[in-house]
Amino acid sequence: MKTPTDLLELIQNLKLPNTNRQTIDIVHATSRICAQTVTATMSLPRYRTSAMDGYAICSDDISKRYEIIGRILSGEEKSFDIDSSSAVKIMTGAKVPDSATIVVPIECVEVYDNHIEIKQELKTGQNIRTIGEDIAIGDRIVLQNTTINFATIGVLASQGVKSIEVYRKPKVAVFASGEELKDYKDDIKSHQIYNSNSPSLVARCGELGCDVKFVRTARDDIRSITKNIKDSLDVDMLITTGGASVGDADLTREVFESLGMDMLVDGIAIKPGKPTMIGKIDDTVVLNLPGNPFAMQIIFEMFGTVMIQRLKQSSEIYHKPITTKLKDSFTHKPRYETLVPGYFDGESFTIATKKLPGMVSVLNHNNSFAVLGQNTNALPKNSDIKIISINHKEFTTTQKDMIN
């Protein structure tokens, strides 16, 4: 069995097919992974601009009175030759005359008969934004393999960039197996249960920026499972749940083997989620998760999210743990590394009391989890603890130690 650390390293170095690119309007690029590095073609500011509403002068002599010889509004193209005894009223963002060396804020002057008197000392260059102060020509404003967000789009728009090259969304297929599982849209009998795993995975993969589809629930027979898998091999990643342990009806492993899957991981030294498999069938990455709902969800958060980051071509493929305080003491009997869910309130982490592998509601009430080392059997109250956020998933380009 792979250790969690070994498995993450395997995923982070997994050889994946090149993802196709597409060019889209920048306003539709939110949360997409940039497929190109973009450099600035113009400086910002493009010209010296006023950082305040005030008066442009070319002297720092506060003993003088300065005659107001004109006004410049933002967006106006006006030219004034300011000398040591004159001033131009100027608005925030307006182009500063070449001869001006200071912009005096309105609140720092008194106006008398079309003249101003300065009430406090100022320094040369004060309140004037210089050319390229924000962005200089040639600056790399967006890096390849990084996530585009609203701020990125603002920078692109400031450069007049209309479209951006991005990687296409990873294609993901999801299915579950089990005679007892029924679709949430159907009526069920007393011996049946609703399939909660597949809708949860479809929703989560959608949140993570995938083009995801639900195939169907397979019956517990080889023909049905084989059809589901064959019908899913046109995607980048196939996620299945259940059918990987040693029960009589757990046939998924047998089908994977018959289809020639290259088995990369056959079990993880972790709790919960030990019977997890990862492999490849041709160019499709396969992740077979446990059938128990909480075990499935937490294993996906630990490993599946990283696989998706890789498929998206993101450079950010490492979990970004948060160090906080443990609200209450905690003890357990470790055998493997353990994924422990809990709730982070911004100041401390409370470990969940209900966290059995078969529970559906665990992550509905919790927003993060901790990874406990196989030798960690007790954590005292108020001790430092590293946690990984779920609801606000963040990754980083640098690997961090996340074992407590």
Protein backbone atom coordinates (compact mmCIF):
# COMPACT_ATOMS: atom_id res chain seq x y z
CA MET A 1 0.00 0.00 0.00
CA LYS A 2 1.09 3.53 -0.72
CA THR A 3 1.53 6.02 2.08
CA PRO A 4 -0.43 9.28 1.63
CA THR A 5 2.82 11.19 1.05
CA ASP A 6 3.98 8.71 -1.59
CA LEU A 7 0.59 8.86 -3.28
CA LEU A 8 0.56 12.65 -3.44
CA GLU A 9 4.04 12.61 -4.94
CA LEU A 10 2.90 10.05 -7.50
CA ILE A 11 -0.10 12.21 -8.48
CA GLN A 12 1.97 15.37 -8.64
CA ASN A 13 4.40 13.66 -11.03
CA LEU A 14 1.81 11.66 -12.98
CA LYS A 15 2.39 11.81 -16.72
CA LEU A 16 -0.77 13.15 -18.31
CA PRO A 17 -1.71 13.81 -21.93
CA ASN A 18 -1.40 17.37 -23.17
CA THR A 19 -4.62 19.29 -22.65
CA ASN A 20 -6.06 21.13 -25.62
CA ARG A 21 -6.21 24.90 -25.51
CA GLN A 22 -8.90 27.35 -26.48
CA THR A 23 -9.10 31.11 -26.86
CA ILE A 24 -11.95 32.84 -25.03
CA ASP A 25 -13.12 36.35 -24.18
CA ILE A 26 -11.37 37.52 -21.01
CA VAL A 27 -14.67 38.08 -19.14
CA HIS A 28 -15.44 34.35 -19.48
CA ALA A 29 -12.02 33.25 -18.22
CA THR A 30 -12.70 33.35 -14.47
CA SER A 31 -11.28 30.26 -12.67
CA ARG A 32 -9.70 28.94 -15.87
CA ILE A 33 -6.02 28.03 -16.11
CA CYS A 34 -4.04 30.37 -18.35
CA ALA A 35 -2.24 28.62 -21.20
CA GLN A 36 0.06 31.52 -22.03
CA THR A 37 2.24 34.09 -20.32
CA VAL A 38 1.02 37.62 -21.03
CA THR A 39 3.36 40.63 -20.89
CA ALA A 40 2.36 44.26 -20.65
CA THR A 41 2.40 46.27 -23.86
CA MET A 42 1.73 49.63 -22.21
CA SER A 43 2.76 51.27 -18.98
CA LEU A 44 0.27 52.09 -16.26
CA PRO A 45 -0.06 54.91 -15.61
CA ARG A 46 0.55 55.75 -19.27
CA TYR A 47 1.38 59.32 -18.26
CA ARG A 48 1.99 61.16 -15.01
CA THR A 49 -1.35 61.38 -13.23
CA SER A 50 -2.64 63.16 -10.18
CA ALA A 51 -3.26 60.97 -7.16
CA MET A 52 -5.46 63.62 -5.52
CA ASP A 53 -7.90 66.39 -6.29
CA GLY A 54 -5.74 69.48 -5.82
CA TYR A 55 -3.42 71.97 -7.48
CA ALA A 56 -0.38 71.25 -9.64
CA ILE A 57 2.62 73.51 -8.98
CA CYS A 58 6.34 73.44 -9.74
CA SER A 59 7.69 74.89 -6.49
CA ASP A 60 7.88 73.73 -2.89
CA ASP A 61 7.98 77.26 -1.48
CA ILE A 62 5.03 77.41 0.92
CA SER A 63 5.57 81.14 1.56
CA LYS A 64 4.30 82.06 -1.90
CA ARG A 65 0.86 82.68 -3.32
CA TYR A 66 0.17 80.86 -6.58
CA GLU A 67 -2.14 82.13 -9.30
CA ILE A 68 -4.67 79.58 -10.62
CA ILE A 69 -4.25 79.64 -14.40
CA GLY A 70 -6.51 76.76 -15.43
CA ARG A 71 -8.17 73.41 -14.68
CA ILE A 72 -7.62 69.85 -15.88
CA LEU A 73 -10.26 67.13 -15.52
CA SER A 74 -9.56 63.40 -15.77
CA GLY A 75 -9.48 62.38 -19.42
CA GLU A 76 -8.75 65.86 -20.73
CA GLU A 77 -5.76 66.60 -22.93
CA LYS A 78 -4.64 70.06 -21.83
CA SER A 79 -1.20 71.64 -21.70
CA PHE A 80 -0.14 74.35 -19.26
CA ASP A 81 3.27 75.91 -18.79
CA ILE A 82 3.42 76.25 -15.02
CA ASP A 83 6.03 78.56 -13.54
CA SER A 84 7.09 79.14 -9.93
CA SER A 85 4.15 81.43 -9.24
CA SER A 86 1.29 79.61 -10.98
CA ALA A 87 -0.94 76.63 -10.28
CA VAL A 88 -3.44 74.48 -12.18
CA LYS A 89 -6.46 72.97 -10.51
CA ILE A 90 -6.39 69.23 -11.24
CA MET A 91 -8.64 66.24 -10.55
CA THR A 92 -7.69 62.71 -9.49
CA GLY A 93 -6.49 60.70 -12.50
CA ALA A 94 -5.91 63.73 -14.69
CA LYS A 95 -2.73 64.16 -16.70
CA VAL A 96 -0.18 66.25 -14.80
CA PRO A 97 1.50 69.02 -16.83
CA ASP A 98 5.14 68.32 -17.68
CA SER A 99 6.38 71.34 -15.74
CA ALA A 100 4.53 70.41 -12.52
CA THR A 101 6.50 68.79 -9.70
CA ILE A 102 3.91 68.60 -6.90
CA VAL A 103 0.14 68.19 -6.57
CA VAL A 104 -1.13 69.99 -3.47
CA PRO A 105 -4.33 68.38 -2.06
CA ILE A 106 -7.37 70.65 -1.95
CA GLU A 107 -7.58 70.38 1.83
CA CYS A 108 -4.02 71.73 2.13
CA VAL A 109 -4.68 75.09 0.47
CA GLU A 110 -6.69 78.22 1.02
CA VAL A 111 -8.11 80.06 -2.02
CA TYR A 112 -8.14 83.86 -2.26
CA ASP A 113 -9.09 85.84 -5.39
CA ASN A 114 -8.05 83.13 -7.85
CA HIS A 115 -4.87 82.45 -5.87
CA ILE A 116 -3.92 79.67 -3.45
CA GLU A 117 -1.84 79.65 -0.32
CA ILE A 118 -0.32 76.38 0.86
CA LYS A 119 -0.90 75.45 4.51
CA GLN A 120 1.75 72.73 4.94
CA GLU A 121 5.10 71.68 3.60
CA LEU A 122 5.25 69.29 0.66
CA LYS A 123 7.96 67.28 -1.07
CA THR A 124 8.85 67.19 -4.74
CA GLY A 125 6.90 64.44 -6.53
CA GLN A 126 4.20 64.25 -3.85
CA ASN A 127 0.78 63.06 -5.06
CA ILE A 128 2.00 62.47 -8.62
CA ARG A 129 1.80 58.92 -9.96
CA THR A 130 4.75 58.24 -12.25
CA ILE A 131 4.70 56.47 -15.62
CA GLY A 132 4.84 52.68 -15.13
CA GLU A 133 4.45 52.94 -11.37
CA ASP A 134 1.77 50.21 -11.48
CA ILE A 135 2.76 48.25 -14.57
CA ALA A 136 5.78 48.72 -16.81
CA ILE A 137 6.04 47.66 -20.43
CA GLY A 138 7.37 44.10 -20.50
CA ASP A 139 6.11 43.14 -17.03
CA ARG A 140 4.67 39.62 -16.89
CA ILE A 141 1.11 40.31 -15.83
CA VAL A 142 -0.26 36.74 -16.15
CA LEU A 143 1.83 33.58 -15.88
CA GLN A 144 1.15 30.39 -17.77
CA ASN A 145 -0.46 27.60 -15.67
CA THR A 146 -1.91 30.01 -13.11
CA THR A 147 -5.57 30.50 -12.25
CA ILE A 148 -7.32 33.51 -13.74
CA ASN A 149 -9.54 35.48 -11.35
CA PHE A 150 -11.41 38.77 -11.32
CA ALA A 151 -8.21 40.69 -10.53
CA THR A 152 -6.37 39.06 -13.44
CA ILE A 153 -9.19 40.07 -15.77
CA GLY A 154 -8.94 43.65 -14.53
CA VAL A 155 -5.23 43.73 -15.39
CA LEU A 156 -5.85 42.19 -18.82
CA ALA A 157 -8.57 44.71 -19.57
CA SER A 158 -6.26 47.56 -18.54
CA GLN A 159 -3.93 46.45 -21.32
CA GLY A 160 -6.67 46.23 -23.93
CA VAL A 161 -6.40 42.42 -24.06
CA LYS A 162 -9.63 41.10 -25.57
CA SER A 163 -9.11 37.34 -25.40
CA ILE A 164 -6.90 34.88 -23.55
CA GLU A 165 -5.67 31.36 -24.28
CA VAL A 166 -6.73 28.86 -21.61
CA TYR A 167 -6.59 25.11 -21.18
CA ARG A 168 -9.88 23.39 -21.81
CA LYS A 169 -11.73 22.10 -18.79
CA PRO A 170 -10.85 18.52 -17.79
CA LYS A 171 -13.51 16.05 -18.84
CA VAL A 172 -14.62 13.88 -15.93
CA ALA A 173 -17.07 10.96 -15.83
CA VAL A 174 -18.63 9.63 -12.62
CA PHE A 175 -20.47 6.42 -11.86
CA ALA A 176 -21.24 4.19 -8.89
CA SER A 177 -21.97 0.49 -8.64
CA GLY A 178 -24.45 -1.28 -6.40
CA GLU A 179 -27.81 -2.99 -6.82
CA GLU A 180 -29.14 -1.16 -3.78
CA LEU A 181 -28.41 2.31 -5.16
CA LYS A 182 -31.17 4.36 -6.77
CA ASP A 183 -31.20 7.76 -8.42
CA TYR A 184 -32.36 10.61 -6.21
CA LYS A 185 -35.15 11.31 -8.72
CA ASP A 186 -36.68 7.84 -8.30
CA ASP A 187 -38.89 6.27 -5.67
CA ILE A 188 -37.19 3.64 -3.53
CA LYS A 189 -38.22 0.46 -1.73
CA SER A 190 -37.38 -0.48 1.83
CA HIS A 191 -34.25 -2.44 0.85
CA GLN A 192 -32.82 0.35 -1.31
CA ILE A 193 -30.97 3.61 -0.70
CA TYR A 194 -30.37 6.73 -2.74
CA ASN A 195 -27.06 7.12 -4.53
CA SER A 196 -25.58 10.16 -2.77
CA ASN A 197 -21.98 9.62 -3.88
CA SER A 198 -22.40 10.37 -7.57
CA PRO A 199 -24.35 13.65 -7.24
CA SER A 200 -21.85 14.79 -4.61
CA LEU A 201 -18.90 14.04 -6.89
CA VAL A 202 -20.53 15.60 -9.95
CA ALA A 203 -21.19 18.77 -7.95
CA ARG A 204 -17.69 18.89 -6.48
CA CYS A 205 -15.97 18.35 -9.83
CA GLY A 206 -18.12 21.10 -11.27
CA GLU A 207 -17.05 23.41 -8.44
CA LEU A 208 -13.44 22.61 -9.25
CA GLY A 209 -13.85 23.66 -12.88
CA CYS A 210 -14.40 20.35 -14.66
CA ASP A 211 -16.69 19.42 -17.53
CA VAL A 212 -18.34 16.54 -15.68
CA LYS A 213 -20.98 13.96 -16.54
CA PHE A 214 -22.78 11.21 -14.63
CA VAL A 215 -22.78 7.99 -16.63
CA ARG A 216 -25.23 5.80 -14.73
CA THR A 217 -25.30 3.49 -11.71
CA ALA A 218 -24.00 0.05 -12.58
CA ARG A 219 -25.58 -3.17 -11.42
CA ASP A 220 -23.47 -5.64 -9.50
CA ASP A 221 -22.48 -7.68 -12.53
CA ILE A 222 -19.44 -7.66 -14.77
CA ARG A 223 -21.33 -6.79 -17.96
CA SER A 224 -22.94 -3.67 -16.45
CA ILE A 225 -19.72 -2.41 -14.86
CA THR A 226 -17.75 -3.09 -18.05
CA LYS A 227 -20.24 -1.09 -20.12
CA ASN A 228 -20.05 1.84 -17.71
CA ILE A 229 -16.26 1.90 -17.86
CA LYS A 230 -16.06 1.51 -21.64
CA ASP A 231 -18.62 4.29 -22.08
CA SER A 232 -16.41 6.57 -19.96
CA LEU A 233 -13.03 6.22 -21.63
CA ASP A 234 -13.49 9.33 -23.76
CA VAL A 235 -12.74 11.50 -20.71
CA ASP A 236 -9.60 12.64 -18.94
CA MET A 237 -10.61 11.18 -15.59
CA LEU A 238 -13.05 8.46 -14.58
CA ILE A 239 -14.21 8.42 -10.96
CA THR A 240 -16.01 5.37 -9.60
CA THR A 241 -17.20 4.58 -6.10
CA GLY A 242 -17.53 1.18 -4.48
CA GLY A 243 -16.72 -2.26 -5.75
CA ALA A 244 -13.06 -2.26 -4.75
CA SER A 245 -12.98 -4.28 -1.53
CA VAL A 246 -13.22 -8.05 -1.09
CA GLY A 247 -16.99 -8.64 -0.95
CA ASP A 248 -18.75 -11.08 -3.29
CA ALA A 249 -20.29 -8.21 -5.29
CA ASP A 250 -17.16 -6.08 -5.51
CA LEU A 251 -16.40 -6.69 -9.15
CA THR A 252 -14.93 -3.36 -10.22
CA ARG A 253 -11.34 -4.49 -9.68
CA GLU A 254 -11.91 -7.56 -11.86
CA VAL A 255 -13.28 -5.41 -14.68
CA PHE A 256 -10.40 -2.95 -14.43
CA GLU A 257 -7.94 -5.82 -14.74
CA SER A 258 -9.79 -7.27 -17.74
CA LEU A 259 -9.60 -3.90 -19.49
CA GLY A 260 -5.83 -3.78 -18.99
CA MET A 261 -5.72 -0.97 -16.44
CA ASP A 262 -2.22 0.04 -15.40
CA MET A 263 -2.65 -0.17 -11.62
CA LEU A 264 -0.68 2.65 -10.00
CA VAL A 265 -2.19 2.49 -6.51
CA ASP A 266 -3.92 -0.50 -4.93
CA GLY A 267 -4.84 0.61 -1.43
CA ILE A 268 -3.65 3.49 0.73
CA ALA A 269 -2.22 3.30 4.25
CA ILE A 270 -4.83 5.74 5.50
CA LYS A 271 -8.02 5.87 7.53
CA PRO A 272 -10.71 6.15 6.28
CA GLY A 273 -10.42 5.16 2.64
CA LYS A 274 -7.91 2.32 2.60
CA PRO A 275 -9.50 0.47 -0.42
CA THR A 276 -8.75 3.22 -2.95
CA MET A 277 -7.37 2.43 -6.41
CA ILE A 278 -5.74 4.67 -8.99
CA GLY A 279 -4.72 3.62 -12.47
CA LYS A 280 -4.76 4.45 -16.15
CA ILE A 281 -6.62 2.88 -19.05
CA ASP A 282 -4.96 4.29 -22.15
CA ASP A 283 -5.06 8.09 -21.59
CA THR A 284 -7.87 8.06 -19.03
CA VAL A 285 -6.91 8.39 -15.37
CA VAL A 286 -9.07 6.21 -13.12
CA LEU A 287 -9.85 6.95 -9.48
CA ASN A 288 -11.85 4.27 -7.68
CA LEU A 289 -13.04 5.63 -4.34
CA PRO A 290 -14.57 3.85 -1.35
CA GLY A 291 -18.33 3.31 -1.40
CA ASN A 292 -18.85 4.75 2.08
CA PRO A 293 -19.95 8.39 1.62
CA PHE A 294 -17.72 10.16 4.13
CA ALA A 295 -14.70 8.01 3.26
CA MET A 296 -15.32 8.76 -0.42
CA GLN A 297 -15.60 12.52 0.11
CA ILE A 298 -12.57 12.92 2.35
CA ILE A 299 -10.33 10.76 0.14
CA PHE A 300 -11.42 12.81 -2.86
CA GLU A 301 -10.56 16.04 -1.01
CA MET A 302 -7.13 14.69 -0.10
CA PHE A 303 -6.16 13.13 -3.44
CA GLY A 304 -8.83 13.66 -6.10
CA THR A 305 -8.63 17.45 -5.93
CA VAL A 306 -4.89 17.31 -6.57
CA MET A 307 -5.47 15.03 -9.58
CA ILE A 308 -7.90 17.59 -10.97
CA GLN A 309 -5.37 20.41 -10.44
CA ARG A 310 -2.91 18.37 -12.49
CA LEU A 311 -5.49 17.72 -15.22
CA LYS A 312 -6.28 21.44 -15.34
CA GLN A 313 -2.55 22.08 -16.02
CA SER A 314 -2.33 24.27 -12.92
CA SER A 315 1.07 24.96 -11.40
CA GLU A 316 -0.62 24.96 -7.97
CA ILE A 317 -0.77 21.28 -7.06
CA TYR A 318 0.08 21.21 -3.37
CA HIS A 319 -2.34 21.53 -0.48
CA LYS A 320 -2.02 24.79 1.42
CA PRO A 321 -2.47 23.96 5.13
CA ILE A 322 -3.59 26.55 7.66
CA THR A 323 -2.05 26.52 11.13
CA THR A 324 -4.56 27.21 13.88
CA LYS A 325 -5.38 26.14 17.45
CA LEU A 326 -7.19 22.97 18.46
CA LYS A 327 -10.28 23.95 20.42
CA ASP A 328 -10.51 20.75 22.50
CA SER A 329 -8.09 17.94 23.27
CA PHE A 330 -8.25 14.86 21.07
CA THR A 331 -7.08 11.27 21.41
CA HIS A 332 -7.33 8.25 19.13
CA LYS A 333 -5.61 4.96 18.41
CA PRO A 334 -3.57 5.41 15.23
CA ARG A 335 -2.73 2.61 12.85
CA TYR A 336 -2.34 4.60 9.69
CA GLU A 337 -2.34 8.28 8.91
CA THR A 338 -5.86 9.50 9.66
CA LEU A 339 -8.03 12.14 8.01
CA VAL A 340 -10.02 13.89 10.73
CA PRO A 341 -12.84 16.27 9.76
CA GLY A 342 -13.71 19.37 11.74
CA TYR A 343 -14.94 22.92 11.71
CA PHE A 344 -12.64 25.93 11.43
CA ASP A 345 -14.27 29.13 12.72
CA GLY A 346 -11.39 31.42 11.79
CA GLU A 347 -9.74 31.15 15.20
CA SER A 348 -9.70 27.45 16.14
CA PHE A 349 -10.45 23.97 14.81
CA THR A 350 -13.09 21.74 16.41
CA ILE A 351 -12.81 18.05 15.53
CA ALA A 352 -16.11 16.48 14.48
CA THR A 353 -17.75 14.06 16.90
CA LYS A 354 -19.68 12.26 14.14
CA LYS A 355 -17.26 10.98 11.50
CA LEU A 356 -17.92 7.33 10.70
CA PRO A 357 -16.94 6.30 7.14
CA GLY A 358 -20.52 5.42 6.14
CA MET A 359 -22.05 8.74 7.22
CA VAL A 360 -23.40 11.11 4.58
CA SER A 361 -23.64 14.32 6.64
CA VAL A 362 -20.09 14.74 7.96
CA LEU A 363 -18.76 17.27 5.47
CA ASN A 364 -22.11 19.03 5.31
CA HIS A 365 -21.43 20.20 8.88
CA ASN A 366 -17.65 20.61 8.62
CA ASN A 367 -15.43 22.73 6.40
CA SER A 368 -11.91 21.35 6.80
CA PHE A 369 -9.84 18.37 7.91
CA ALA A 370 -6.56 17.52 9.60
CA VAL A 371 -4.06 14.82 8.66
CA LEU A 372 -2.86 13.00 11.75
CA GLY A 373 0.42 11.07 11.51
CA GLN A 374 0.51 7.37 12.31
CA ASN A 375 2.36 8.12 15.55
CA THR A 376 0.04 10.94 16.66
CA ASN A 377 -2.29 9.57 19.32
CA ALA A 378 -3.04 12.70 21.32
CA LEU A 379 -3.33 16.43 20.72
CA PRO A 380 -3.81 18.73 23.73
CA LYS A 381 -6.26 21.61 23.85
CA ASN A 382 -4.93 24.85 22.30
CA SER A 383 -2.08 23.04 20.56
CA ASP A 384 -1.11 24.11 17.06
CA ILE A 385 -2.76 22.05 14.35
CA LYS A 386 -2.46 22.18 10.56
CA ILE A 387 -5.74 21.90 8.69
CA ILE A 388 -6.81 21.83 5.05
CA SER A 389 -9.81 23.86 3.99
CA ILE A 390 -12.57 22.23 1.95
CA ASN A 391 -15.13 24.96 1.29
CA HIS A 392 -12.41 27.43 0.33
CA LYS A 393 -9.97 25.09 -1.34
CA GLU A 394 -6.58 26.61 -1.98
CA PHE A 395 -3.48 25.10 -3.48
CA THR A 396 0.06 26.39 -3.73
CA THR A 397 3.07 25.97 -6.01
CA THR A 398 5.26 24.93 -3.07
CA GLN A 399 4.90 21.69 -1.13
CA LYS A 400 4.05 22.20 2.55
CA ASP A 401 4.29 19.85 5.50
CA MET A 402 0.72 19.08 6.56
CA ILE A 403 1.24 16.15 8.94
CA ASN A 404 0.56 16.88 12.61
